[in-house]
Amino acid sequence: MSKFKMIPEQKDEYLGNIWGWKISFMGLGLILFMLGLMWFRSCQIAKTPQKEPVEQLHNEHK
């Protein structure tokens, strides 16, 4: 509290976003795009599992 008494013109207020809201929203858009891409890719991989038949695995080891 004594700090505020020494500097009376200093106020506790929000100074703003250092990068600006445009850059912040572009970053949010990029994050959402990447999450959507990861979700889409995980759905594609889940639909087409690439498993090798067990018989082929046994033939390769012999």
PDB file of N, CA and C in Angstrom:
ATOM      1  N   MET A   1       0.813  -1.198   0.000  1.00  0.00           N
ATOM      2  CA  MET A   1       0.000   0.000   0.000  1.00  0.00           C
ATOM      3  C   MET A   1       0.851   1.255   0.000  1.00  0.00           C
ATOM      4  N   SER A   2       2.002   1.185   0.624  1.00  0.00           N
ATOM      5  CA  SER A   2       2.834   2.383   0.698  1.00  0.00           C
ATOM      6  C   SER A   2       3.355   2.777  -0.692  1.00  0.00           C
ATOM      7  N   LYS A   3       3.479   1.810  -1.590  1.00  0.00           N
ATOM      8  CA  LYS A   3       3.947   2.104  -2.936  1.00  0.00           C
ATOM      9  C   LYS A   3       2.978   3.041  -3.664  1.00  0.00           C
ATOM     10  N   PHE A   4       1.691   2.814  -3.464  1.00  0.00           N
ATOM     11  CA  PHE A   4       0.688   3.644  -4.127  1.00  0.00           C
ATOM     12  C   PHE A   4       0.645   5.053  -3.538  1.00  0.00           C
ATOM     13  N   LYS A   5       0.990   5.189  -2.289  1.00  0.00           N
ATOM     14  CA  LYS A   5       1.012   6.518  -1.675  1.00  0.00           C
ATOM     15  C   LYS A   5       2.211   7.329  -2.185  1.00  0.00           C
ATOM     16  N   MET A   6       3.308   6.632  -2.506  1.00  0.00           N
ATOM     17  CA  MET A   6       4.482   7.337  -2.995  1.00  0.00           C
ATOM     18  C   MET A   6       4.289   7.811  -4.436  1.00  0.00           C
ATOM     19  N   ILE A   7       3.562   7.036  -5.257  1.00  0.00           N
ATOM     20  CA  ILE A   7       3.313   7.396  -6.654  1.00  0.00           C
ATOM     21  C   ILE A   7       1.801   7.546  -6.841  1.00  0.00           C
ATOM     22  N   PRO A   8       1.230   8.699  -6.595  1.00  0.00           N
ATOM     23  CA  PRO A   8      -0.225   8.847  -6.650  1.00  0.00           C
ATOM     24  C   PRO A   8      -0.803   8.754  -8.065  1.00  0.00           C
ATOM     25  N   GLU A   9      -0.035   9.064  -9.114  1.00  0.00           N
ATOM     26  CA  GLU A   9      -0.590   9.027 -10.475  1.00  0.00           C
ATOM     27  C   GLU A   9      -0.666   7.621 -11.061  1.00  0.00           C
ATOM     28  N   GLN A  10      -0.044   6.639 -10.403  1.00  0.00           N
ATOM     29  CA  GLN A  10      -0.095   5.270 -10.872  1.00  0.00           C
ATOM     30  C   GLN A  10      -1.460   4.670 -10.538  1.00  0.00           C
ATOM     31  N   LYS A  11      -2.096   4.061 -11.533  1.00  0.00           N
ATOM     32  CA  LYS A  11      -3.413   3.458 -11.330  1.00  0.00           C
ATOM     33  C   LYS A  11      -3.343   1.980 -11.696  1.00  0.00           C
ATOM     34  N   ASP A  12      -4.121   1.163 -11.015  1.00  0.00           N
ATOM     35  CA  ASP A  12      -4.243  -0.237 -11.373  1.00  0.00           C
ATOM     36  C   ASP A  12      -5.343  -0.360 -12.412  1.00  0.00           C
ATOM     37  N   GLU A  13      -4.954  -0.451 -13.676  1.00  0.00           N
ATOM     38  CA  GLU A  13      -5.937  -0.618 -14.728  1.00  0.00           C
ATOM     39  C   GLU A  13      -5.365  -1.517 -15.809  1.00  0.00           C
ATOM     40  N   TYR A  14      -6.239  -2.062 -16.600  1.00  0.00           N
ATOM     41  CA  TYR A  14      -5.847  -2.980 -17.664  1.00  0.00           C
ATOM     42  C   TYR A  14      -5.180  -2.178 -18.783  1.00  0.00           C
ATOM     43  N   LEU A  15      -3.946  -2.539 -19.115  1.00  0.00           N
ATOM     44  CA  LEU A  15      -3.190  -1.802 -20.116  1.00  0.00           C
ATOM     45  C   LEU A  15      -3.431  -2.297 -21.539  1.00  0.00           C
ATOM     46  N   GLY A  16      -4.036  -3.452 -21.688  1.00  0.00           N
ATOM     47  CA  GLY A  16      -4.355  -3.968 -23.020  1.00  0.00           C
ATOM     48  C   GLY A  16      -3.497  -5.157 -23.397  1.00  0.00           C
ATOM     49  N   ASN A  17      -3.865  -5.733 -24.508  1.00  0.00           N
ATOM     50  CA  ASN A  17      -3.177  -6.897 -25.033  1.00  0.00           C
ATOM     51  C   ASN A  17      -1.949  -6.415 -25.803  1.00  0.00           C
ATOM     52  N   ILE A  18      -0.782  -6.947 -25.491  1.00  0.00           N
ATOM     53  CA  ILE A  18       0.455  -6.470 -26.109  1.00  0.00           C
ATOM     54  C   ILE A  18       0.485  -6.759 -27.610  1.00  0.00           C
ATOM     55  N   TRP A  19      -0.093  -7.872 -28.072  1.00  0.00           N
ATOM     56  CA  TRP A  19      -0.057  -8.229 -29.483  1.00  0.00           C
ATOM     57  C   TRP A  19      -1.289  -7.746 -30.236  1.00  0.00           C
ATOM     58  N   GLY A  20      -2.316  -7.325 -29.553  1.00  0.00           N
ATOM     59  CA  GLY A  20      -3.544  -6.910 -30.223  1.00  0.00           C
ATOM     60  C   GLY A  20      -4.509  -8.063 -30.360  1.00  0.00           C
ATOM     61  N   TRP A  21      -5.772  -7.749 -30.451  1.00  0.00           N
ATOM     62  CA  TRP A  21      -6.794  -8.792 -30.493  1.00  0.00           C
ATOM     63  C   TRP A  21      -6.814  -9.510 -31.828  1.00  0.00           C
ATOM     64  N   LYS A  22      -6.387  -8.859 -32.891  1.00  0.00           N
ATOM     65  CA  LYS A  22      -6.369  -9.509 -34.204  1.00  0.00           C
ATOM     66  C   LYS A  22      -5.438 -10.721 -34.187  1.00  0.00           C
ATOM     67  N   ILE A  23      -4.239 -10.553 -33.641  1.00  0.00           N
ATOM     68  CA  ILE A  23      -3.274 -11.649 -33.566  1.00  0.00           C
ATOM     69  C   ILE A  23      -3.781 -12.737 -32.623  1.00  0.00           C
ATOM     70  N   SER A  24      -4.425 -12.339 -31.535  1.00  0.00           N
ATOM     71  CA  SER A  24      -4.953 -13.321 -30.584  1.00  0.00           C
ATOM     72  C   SER A  24      -6.033 -14.181 -31.223  1.00  0.00           C
ATOM     73  N   PHE A  25      -6.913 -13.562 -32.001  1.00  0.00           N
ATOM     74  CA  PHE A  25      -7.970 -14.333 -32.659  1.00  0.00           C
ATOM     75  C   PHE A  25      -7.408 -15.200 -33.783  1.00  0.00           C
ATOM     76  N   MET A  26      -6.352 -14.738 -34.437  1.00  0.00           N
ATOM     77  CA  MET A  26      -5.708 -15.568 -35.457  1.00  0.00           C
ATOM     78  C   MET A  26      -5.073 -16.791 -34.804  1.00  0.00           C
ATOM     79  N   GLY A  27      -4.472 -16.623 -33.639  1.00  0.00           N
ATOM     80  CA  GLY A  27      -3.899 -17.749 -32.907  1.00  0.00           C
ATOM     81  C   GLY A  27      -4.974 -18.730 -32.462  1.00  0.00           C
ATOM     82  N   LEU A  28      -6.101 -18.199 -32.000  1.00  0.00           N
ATOM     83  CA  LEU A  28      -7.213 -19.060 -31.605  1.00  0.00           C
ATOM     84  C   LEU A  28      -7.732 -19.843 -32.810  1.00  0.00           C
ATOM     85  N   GLY A  29      -7.834 -19.175 -33.949  1.00  0.00           N
ATOM     86  CA  GLY A  29      -8.270 -19.851 -35.173  1.00  0.00           C
ATOM     87  C   GLY A  29      -7.315 -20.960 -35.572  1.00  0.00           C
ATOM     88  N   LEU A  30      -6.018 -20.709 -35.446  1.00  0.00           N
ATOM     89  CA  LEU A  30      -5.026 -21.729 -35.775  1.00  0.00           C
ATOM     90  C   LEU A  30      -5.132 -22.926 -34.834  1.00  0.00           C
ATOM     91  N   ILE A  31      -5.314 -22.661 -33.558  1.00  0.00           N
ATOM     92  CA  ILE A  31      -5.463 -23.747 -32.581  1.00  0.00           C
ATOM     93  C   ILE A  31      -6.711 -24.569 -32.880  1.00  0.00           C
ATOM     94  N   LEU A  32      -7.829 -23.912 -33.159  1.00  0.00           N
ATOM     95  CA  LEU A  32      -9.068 -24.633 -33.465  1.00  0.00           C
ATOM     96  C   LEU A  32      -8.947 -25.422 -34.759  1.00  0.00           C
ATOM     97  N   PHE A  33      -8.272 -24.843 -35.757  1.00  0.00           N
ATOM     98  CA  PHE A  33      -8.058 -25.554 -37.017  1.00  0.00           C
ATOM     99  C   PHE A  33      -7.238 -26.818 -36.801  1.00  0.00           C
ATOM    100  N   MET A  34      -6.173 -26.714 -36.027  1.00  0.00           N
ATOM    101  CA  MET A  34      -5.323 -27.875 -35.781  1.00  0.00           C
ATOM    102  C   MET A  34      -6.060 -28.951 -34.973  1.00  0.00           C
ATOM    103  N   LEU A  35      -6.867 -28.530 -33.999  1.00  0.00           N
ATOM    104  CA  LEU A  35      -7.672 -29.502 -33.245  1.00  0.00           C
ATOM    105  C   LEU A  35      -8.668 -30.208 -34.164  1.00  0.00           C
ATOM    106  N   GLY A  36      -9.298 -29.452 -35.047  1.00  0.00           N
ATOM    107  CA  GLY A  36     -10.233 -30.047 -36.003  1.00  0.00           C
ATOM    108  C   GLY A  36      -9.543 -31.010 -36.950  1.00  0.00           C
ATOM    109  N   LEU A  37      -8.349 -30.658 -37.408  1.00  0.00           N
ATOM    110  CA  LEU A  37      -7.580 -31.531 -38.285  1.00  0.00           C
ATOM    111  C   LEU A  37      -7.184 -32.817 -37.564  1.00  0.00           C
ATOM    112  N   MET A  38      -6.752 -32.701 -36.303  1.00  0.00           N
ATOM    113  CA  MET A  38      -6.398 -33.896 -35.535  1.00  0.00           C
ATOM    114  C   MET A  38      -7.609 -34.781 -35.294  1.00  0.00           C
ATOM    115  N   TRP A  39      -8.758 -34.172 -35.005  1.00  0.00           N
ATOM    116  CA  TRP A  39      -9.980 -34.948 -34.791  1.00  0.00           C
ATOM    117  C   TRP A  39     -10.380 -35.675 -36.070  1.00  0.00           C
ATOM    118  N   PHE A  40     -10.334 -34.965 -37.212  1.00  0.00           N
ATOM    119  CA  PHE A  40     -10.689 -35.562 -38.496  1.00  0.00           C
ATOM    120  C   PHE A  40      -9.759 -36.725 -38.821  1.00  0.00           C
ATOM    121  N   ARG A  41      -8.463 -36.525 -38.603  1.00  0.00           N
ATOM    122  CA  ARG A  41      -7.488 -37.572 -38.903  1.00  0.00           C
ATOM    123  C   ARG A  41      -7.675 -38.785 -37.995  1.00  0.00           C
ATOM    124  N   SER A  42      -7.989 -38.542 -36.735  1.00  0.00           N
ATOM    125  CA  SER A  42      -8.199 -39.677 -35.833  1.00  0.00           C
ATOM    126  C   SER A  42      -9.444 -40.464 -36.222  1.00  0.00           C
ATOM    127  N   CYS A  43     -10.464 -39.788 -36.720  1.00  0.00           N
ATOM    128  CA  CYS A  43     -11.665 -40.498 -37.203  1.00  0.00           C
ATOM    129  C   CYS A  43     -11.346 -41.318 -38.442  1.00  0.00           C
ATOM    130  N   GLN A  44     -10.508 -40.791 -39.330  1.00  0.00           N
ATOM    131  CA  GLN A  44     -10.135 -41.520 -40.542  1.00  0.00           C
ATOM    132  C   GLN A  44      -9.309 -42.756 -40.208  1.00  0.00           C
ATOM    133  N   ILE A  45      -8.409 -42.638 -39.266  1.00  0.00           N
ATOM    134  CA  ILE A  45      -7.574 -43.780 -38.891  1.00  0.00           C
ATOM    135  C   ILE A  45      -8.411 -44.842 -38.195  1.00  0.00           C
ATOM    136  N   ALA A  46      -9.373 -44.430 -37.392  1.00  0.00           N
ATOM    137  CA  ALA A  46     -10.211 -45.387 -36.664  1.00  0.00           C
ATOM    138  C   ALA A  46     -11.097 -46.189 -37.623  1.00  0.00           C
ATOM    139  N   LYS A  47     -11.489 -45.587 -38.732  1.00  0.00           N
ATOM    140  CA  LYS A  47     -12.360 -46.283 -39.688  1.00  0.00           C
ATOM    141  C   LYS A  47     -11.594 -47.307 -40.516  1.00  0.00           C
ATOM    142  N   THR A  48     -10.324 -47.075 -40.767  1.00  0.00           N
ATOM    143  CA  THR A  48      -9.541 -47.981 -41.599  1.00  0.00           C
ATOM    144  C   THR A  48      -8.310 -48.465 -40.844  1.00  0.00           C
ATOM    145  N   PRO A  49      -8.486 -49.414 -39.936  1.00  0.00           N
ATOM    146  CA  PRO A  49      -7.303 -49.927 -39.229  1.00  0.00           C
ATOM    147  C   PRO A  49      -6.425 -50.737 -40.183  1.00  0.00           C
ATOM    148  N   GLN A  50      -5.141 -50.589 -40.053  1.00  0.00           N
ATOM    149  CA  GLN A  50      -4.219 -51.295 -40.934  1.00  0.00           C
ATOM    150  C   GLN A  50      -3.508 -52.377 -40.138  1.00  0.00           C
ATOM    151  N   LYS A  51      -4.183 -53.506 -40.013  1.00  0.00           N
ATOM    152  CA  LYS A  51      -3.616 -54.636 -39.285  1.00  0.00           C
ATOM    153  C   LYS A  51      -3.187 -55.698 -40.286  1.00  0.00           C
ATOM    154  N   GLU A  52      -2.070 -56.302 -40.026  1.00  0.00           N
ATOM    155  CA  GLU A  52      -1.604 -57.379 -40.881  1.00  0.00           C
ATOM    156  C   GLU A  52      -2.207 -58.691 -40.387  1.00  0.00           C
ATOM    157  N   PRO A  53      -2.549 -59.545 -41.319  1.00  0.00           N
ATOM    158  CA  PRO A  53      -3.079 -60.854 -40.895  1.00  0.00           C
ATOM    159  C   PRO A  53      -2.026 -61.641 -40.123  1.00  0.00           C
ATOM    160  N   VAL A  54      -2.483 -62.430 -39.192  1.00  0.00           N
ATOM    161  CA  VAL A  54      -1.580 -63.203 -38.336  1.00  0.00           C
ATOM    162  C   VAL A  54      -0.809 -64.228 -39.156  1.00  0.00           C
ATOM    163  N   GLU A  55      -1.419 -64.778 -40.200  1.00  0.00           N
ATOM    164  CA  GLU A  55      -0.752 -65.789 -41.021  1.00  0.00           C
ATOM    165  C   GLU A  55       0.471 -65.212 -41.720  1.00  0.00           C
ATOM    166  N   GLN A  56       0.383 -63.974 -42.183  1.00  0.00           N
ATOM    167  CA  GLN A  56       1.529 -63.368 -42.849  1.00  0.00           C
ATOM    168  C   GLN A  56       2.672 -63.151 -41.850  1.00  0.00           C
ATOM    169  N   LEU A  57       2.358 -62.816 -40.646  1.00  0.00           N
ATOM    170  CA  LEU A  57       3.393 -62.601 -39.639  1.00  0.00           C
ATOM    171  C   LEU A  57       4.129 -63.900 -39.335  1.00  0.00           C
ATOM    172  N   HIS A  58       3.408 -65.011 -39.254  1.00  0.00           N
ATOM    173  CA  HIS A  58       4.037 -66.299 -38.981  1.00  0.00           C
ATOM    174  C   HIS A  58       4.907 -66.740 -40.154  1.00  0.00           C
ATOM    175  N   ASN A  59       4.499 -66.466 -41.394  1.00  0.00           N
ATOM    176  CA  ASN A  59       5.278 -66.851 -42.564  1.00  0.00           C
ATOM    177  C   ASN A  59       6.565 -66.029 -42.669  1.00  0.00           C
ATOM    178  N   GLU A  60       6.556 -64.780 -42.240  1.00  0.00           N
ATOM    179  CA  GLU A  60       7.743 -63.939 -42.332  1.00  0.00           C
ATOM    180  C   GLU A  60       8.831 -64.370 -41.363  1.00  0.00           C
ATOM    181  N   HIS A  61       8.465 -64.900 -40.214  1.00  0.00           N
ATOM    182  CA  HIS A  61       9.450 -65.293 -39.208  1.00  0.00           C
ATOM    183  C   HIS A  61      10.120 -66.616 -39.525  1.00  0.00           C
ATOM    184  N   LYS A  62       9.573 -67.416 -40.427  1.00  0.00           N
ATOM    185  CA  LYS A  62      10.151 -68.731 -40.734  1.00  0.00           C
ATOM    186  C   LYS A  62      11.263 -68.634 -41.733  1.00  0.00           C
TER     187      LYS A  62
END
